[in-house]
């Protein structure tokens, strides 16, 4: 009877596990939302970078390039088949693009300007305005 046993009781261990489980249950939805937002931001940045680098690729090729107008949203690959620049990787038909009017890129890198609408894999939509002559993408709501 004089011996003292050290360690944790089963009840103490269960209480700790319940507290850890509750903490994980509260943190998981926030982490999932954060991962989704970061994935969407990455997609948007890749598309903006594609539009940013397109005039330079056209200058290097030395030929006019046209992104033809589409009737609503279509897959990016169907619009950029003869692009001088490889489009961003796509998954399951996304991102999709809608170009209301033709965008012409001249051999000197200048373009006619316009607007490009995007639909991402999560169904979110956004637009880039391309202002002539440089056509740097500017995000719109």
C-alpha atoms as a PDB file:
ATOM      1  CA  UNK A   1       0.000   0.000   0.000  1.00  0.00           C
ATOM      2  CA  UNK A   2       2.919   2.327   0.410  1.00  0.00           C
ATOM      3  CA  UNK A   3       3.698   2.287  -3.334  1.00  0.00           C
ATOM      4  CA  UNK A   4       2.621   5.218  -5.448  1.00  0.00           C
ATOM      5  CA  UNK A   5       1.736   4.504  -9.096  1.00  0.00           C
ATOM      6  CA  UNK A   6       2.527   7.308 -11.537  1.00  0.00           C
ATOM      7  CA  UNK A   7       0.784   7.927 -14.852  1.00  0.00           C
ATOM      8  CA  UNK A   8      -2.543   9.073 -16.201  1.00  0.00           C
ATOM      9  CA  UNK A   9      -5.929   7.559 -15.528  1.00  0.00           C
ATOM     10  CA  UNK A  10      -8.150   6.436 -18.352  1.00  0.00           C
ATOM     11  CA  UNK A  11     -10.544   9.273 -17.576  1.00  0.00           C
ATOM     12  CA  UNK A  12      -7.789  11.889 -17.923  1.00  0.00           C
ATOM     13  CA  UNK A  13      -6.727  10.451 -21.274  1.00  0.00           C
ATOM     14  CA  UNK A  14     -10.325  10.434 -22.531  1.00  0.00           C
ATOM     15  CA  UNK A  15     -10.822  14.078 -21.526  1.00  0.00           C
ATOM     16  CA  UNK A  16      -7.662  15.080 -23.427  1.00  0.00           C
ATOM     17  CA  UNK A  17      -8.788  13.137 -26.525  1.00  0.00           C
ATOM     18  CA  UNK A  18     -12.233  14.752 -26.448  1.00  0.00           C
ATOM     19  CA  UNK A  19     -10.696  18.222 -26.206  1.00  0.00           C
ATOM     20  CA  UNK A  20      -8.353  17.468 -29.139  1.00  0.00           C
ATOM     21  CA  UNK A  21     -11.276  16.106 -31.175  1.00  0.00           C
ATOM     22  CA  UNK A  22     -13.349  19.228 -30.556  1.00  0.00           C
ATOM     23  CA  UNK A  23     -10.429  21.454 -31.534  1.00  0.00           C
ATOM     24  CA  UNK A  24      -9.932  19.500 -34.770  1.00  0.00           C
ATOM     25  CA  UNK A  25     -13.654  19.629 -35.549  1.00  0.00           C
ATOM     26  CA  UNK A  26     -13.672  23.410 -35.132  1.00  0.00           C
ATOM     27  CA  UNK A  27     -10.477  23.976 -37.155  1.00  0.00           C
ATOM     28  CA  UNK A  28     -11.172  21.654 -40.109  1.00  0.00           C
ATOM     29  CA  UNK A  29     -13.836  23.758 -41.926  1.00  0.00           C
ATOM     30  CA  UNK A  30     -11.650  26.860 -41.709  1.00  0.00           C
ATOM     31  CA  UNK A  31      -8.675  24.955 -43.110  1.00  0.00           C
ATOM     32  CA  UNK A  32     -10.775  23.573 -45.971  1.00  0.00           C
ATOM     33  CA  UNK A  33     -12.011  27.091 -46.849  1.00  0.00           C
ATOM     34  CA  UNK A  34      -8.440  28.384 -46.736  1.00  0.00           C
ATOM     35  CA  UNK A  35      -7.250  25.621 -49.074  1.00  0.00           C
ATOM     36  CA  UNK A  36     -10.108  26.387 -51.505  1.00  0.00           C
ATOM     37  CA  UNK A  37      -9.310  30.109 -51.505  1.00  0.00           C
ATOM     38  CA  UNK A  38      -5.614  29.462 -52.083  1.00  0.00           C
ATOM     39  CA  UNK A  39      -6.409  27.088 -54.949  1.00  0.00           C
ATOM     40  CA  UNK A  40      -8.716  29.658 -56.548  1.00  0.00           C
ATOM     41  CA  UNK A  41      -6.125  32.412 -56.124  1.00  0.00           C
ATOM     42  CA  UNK A  42      -3.528  30.173 -57.756  1.00  0.00           C
ATOM     43  CA  UNK A  43      -5.828  29.547 -60.753  1.00  0.00           C
ATOM     44  CA  UNK A  44      -6.524  33.275 -61.105  1.00  0.00           C
ATOM     45  CA  UNK A  45      -2.825  34.129 -60.897  1.00  0.00           C
ATOM     46  CA  UNK A  46      -1.942  31.554 -63.566  1.00  0.00           C
ATOM     47  CA  UNK A  47      -4.554  32.981 -65.931  1.00  0.00           C
ATOM     48  CA  UNK A  48      -3.418  36.555 -65.315  1.00  0.00           C
ATOM     49  CA  UNK A  49       0.181  35.502 -65.928  1.00  0.00           C
ATOM     50  CA  UNK A  50      -0.841  33.825 -69.193  1.00  0.00           C
ATOM     51  CA  UNK A  51      -2.501  37.048 -70.392  1.00  0.00           C
ATOM     52  CA  UNK A  52       0.468  39.104 -69.154  1.00  0.00           C
ATOM     53  CA  UNK A  53       3.003  37.011 -71.087  1.00  0.00           C
ATOM     54  CA  UNK A  54       0.970  36.596 -74.283  1.00  0.00           C
ATOM     55  CA  UNK A  55       2.101  39.876 -75.958  1.00  0.00           C
ATOM     56  CA  UNK A  56       5.772  38.963 -75.456  1.00  0.00           C
ATOM     57  CA  UNK A  57       5.204  35.495 -76.929  1.00  0.00           C
ATOM     58  CA  UNK A  58       3.474  37.078 -79.945  1.00  0.00           C
ATOM     59  CA  UNK A  59       6.426  39.462 -80.416  1.00  0.00           C
ATOM     60  CA  UNK A  60       8.862  36.553 -80.271  1.00  0.00           C
ATOM     61  CA  UNK A  61       6.854  34.643 -82.881  1.00  0.00           C
ATOM     62  CA  UNK A  62       6.569  37.744 -85.067  1.00  0.00           C
ATOM     63  CA  UNK A  63       3.067  36.959 -86.309  1.00  0.00           C
ATOM     64  CA  UNK A  64      -0.361  38.331 -85.504  1.00  0.00           C
ATOM     65  CA  UNK A  65      -2.371  36.223 -83.075  1.00  0.00           C
ATOM     66  CA  UNK A  66      -6.132  36.398 -82.557  1.00  0.00           C
ATOM     67  CA  UNK A  67      -8.274  35.090 -79.740  1.00  0.00           C
ATOM     68  CA  UNK A  68     -11.588  34.762 -81.496  1.00  0.00           C
ATOM     69  CA  UNK A  69     -14.875  35.750 -79.877  1.00  0.00           C
ATOM     70  CA  UNK A  70     -16.892  32.939 -78.328  1.00  0.00           C
ATOM     71  CA  UNK A  71     -20.585  32.437 -77.777  1.00  0.00           C
ATOM     72  CA  UNK A  72     -20.532  31.999 -74.020  1.00  0.00           C
ATOM     73  CA  UNK A  73     -18.058  29.966 -71.989  1.00  0.00           C
ATOM     74  CA  UNK A  74     -15.888  27.398 -73.778  1.00  0.00           C
ATOM     75  CA  UNK A  75     -12.847  25.416 -72.701  1.00  0.00           C
ATOM     76  CA  UNK A  76      -9.578  27.334 -72.719  1.00  0.00           C
ATOM     77  CA  UNK A  77      -7.895  24.738 -74.938  1.00  0.00           C
ATOM     78  CA  UNK A  78     -10.466  25.234 -77.715  1.00  0.00           C
ATOM     79  CA  UNK A  79      -9.587  28.954 -77.901  1.00  0.00           C
ATOM     80  CA  UNK A  80      -5.803  28.691 -77.552  1.00  0.00           C
ATOM     81  CA  UNK A  81      -5.035  25.885 -80.029  1.00  0.00           C
ATOM     82  CA  UNK A  82      -2.533  27.933 -82.073  1.00  0.00           C
ATOM     83  CA  UNK A  83      -1.368  30.141 -79.194  1.00  0.00           C
ATOM     84  CA  UNK A  84       2.314  31.114 -79.188  1.00  0.00           C
ATOM     85  CA  UNK A  85       2.272  30.515 -75.431  1.00  0.00           C
ATOM     86  CA  UNK A  86       1.247  27.317 -73.665  1.00  0.00           C
ATOM     87  CA  UNK A  87      -1.956  27.944 -71.701  1.00  0.00           C
ATOM     88  CA  UNK A  88      -2.156  27.033 -68.010  1.00  0.00           C
ATOM     89  CA  UNK A  89      -2.840  23.409 -67.141  1.00  0.00           C
ATOM     90  CA  UNK A  90      -6.538  22.616 -67.225  1.00  0.00           C
ATOM     91  CA  UNK A  91      -8.530  20.041 -65.326  1.00  0.00           C
ATOM     92  CA  UNK A  92     -11.874  18.548 -66.280  1.00  0.00           C
ATOM     93  CA  UNK A  93     -12.563  21.235 -68.897  1.00  0.00           C
ATOM     94  CA  UNK A  94     -11.703  24.177 -66.637  1.00  0.00           C
ATOM     95  CA  UNK A  95     -10.905  26.996 -66.650  1.00  0.00           C
ATOM     96  CA  UNK A  96     -13.471  28.063 -69.204  1.00  0.00           C
ATOM     97  CA  UNK A  97     -13.247  31.313 -71.123  1.00  0.00           C
ATOM     98  CA  UNK A  98     -15.715  33.695 -72.735  1.00  0.00           C
ATOM     99  CA  UNK A  99     -14.394  36.350 -75.104  1.00  0.00           C
ATOM    100  CA  UNK A 100     -17.212  38.716 -76.200  1.00  0.00           C
ATOM    101  CA  UNK A 101     -15.201  40.165 -79.119  1.00  0.00           C
ATOM    102  CA  UNK A 102     -11.998  39.277 -80.951  1.00  0.00           C
ATOM    103  CA  UNK A 103      -8.699  40.155 -79.298  1.00  0.00           C
ATOM    104  CA  UNK A 104      -5.919  40.825 -81.803  1.00  0.00           C
ATOM    105  CA  UNK A 105      -2.267  40.772 -80.824  1.00  0.00           C
ATOM    106  CA  UNK A 106       0.047  42.400 -83.356  1.00  0.00           C
ATOM    107  CA  UNK A 107       3.639  41.292 -84.060  1.00  0.00           C
ATOM    108  CA  UNK A 108       4.929  44.285 -82.057  1.00  0.00           C
ATOM    109  CA  UNK A 109       3.090  42.997 -78.949  1.00  0.00           C
ATOM    110  CA  UNK A 110       0.308  45.595 -78.995  1.00  0.00           C
ATOM    111  CA  UNK A 111      -3.266  44.409 -78.803  1.00  0.00           C
ATOM    112  CA  UNK A 112      -6.728  45.771 -79.477  1.00  0.00           C
ATOM    113  CA  UNK A 113      -7.926  45.370 -75.908  1.00  0.00           C
ATOM    114  CA  UNK A 114     -11.166  43.978 -74.609  1.00  0.00           C
ATOM    115  CA  UNK A 115     -12.436  41.830 -71.801  1.00  0.00           C
ATOM    116  CA  UNK A 116     -12.009  38.157 -70.975  1.00  0.00           C
ATOM    117  CA  UNK A 117     -14.421  36.340 -68.673  1.00  0.00           C
ATOM    118  CA  UNK A 118     -13.275  33.237 -66.795  1.00  0.00           C
ATOM    119  CA  UNK A 119     -15.068  30.396 -65.060  1.00  0.00           C
ATOM    120  CA  UNK A 120     -12.957  28.383 -62.630  1.00  0.00           C
ATOM    121  CA  UNK A 121     -13.335  24.747 -61.666  1.00  0.00           C
ATOM    122  CA  UNK A 122     -15.306  25.653 -58.540  1.00  0.00           C
ATOM    123  CA  UNK A 123     -17.884  27.548 -60.615  1.00  0.00           C
ATOM    124  CA  UNK A 124     -16.548  30.976 -59.578  1.00  0.00           C
ATOM    125  CA  UNK A 125     -16.456  33.591 -62.310  1.00  0.00           C
ATOM    126  CA  UNK A 126     -14.318  36.683 -62.748  1.00  0.00           C
ATOM    127  CA  UNK A 127     -13.100  38.934 -65.551  1.00  0.00           C
ATOM    128  CA  UNK A 128      -9.920  40.535 -66.794  1.00  0.00           C
ATOM    129  CA  UNK A 129     -10.015  43.847 -68.643  1.00  0.00           C
ATOM    130  CA  UNK A 130      -7.273  44.218 -71.234  1.00  0.00           C
ATOM    131  CA  UNK A 131      -6.629  47.832 -72.162  1.00  0.00           C
ATOM    132  CA  UNK A 132      -4.912  48.609 -75.468  1.00  0.00           C
ATOM    133  CA  UNK A 133      -2.122  48.792 -76.415  1.00  0.00           C
ATOM    134  CA  UNK A 134      -0.300  46.871 -73.645  1.00  0.00           C
ATOM    135  CA  UNK A 135      -3.191  44.629 -72.607  1.00  0.00           C
ATOM    136  CA  UNK A 136      -2.085  44.080 -69.060  1.00  0.00           C
ATOM    137  CA  UNK A 137      -4.829  42.131 -67.287  1.00  0.00           C
ATOM    138  CA  UNK A 138      -6.784  44.032 -64.656  1.00  0.00           C
ATOM    139  CA  UNK A 139      -9.186  42.055 -62.509  1.00  0.00           C
ATOM    140  CA  UNK A 140     -12.805  43.062 -62.271  1.00  0.00           C
ATOM    141  CA  UNK A 141     -15.452  41.899 -59.848  1.00  0.00           C
END
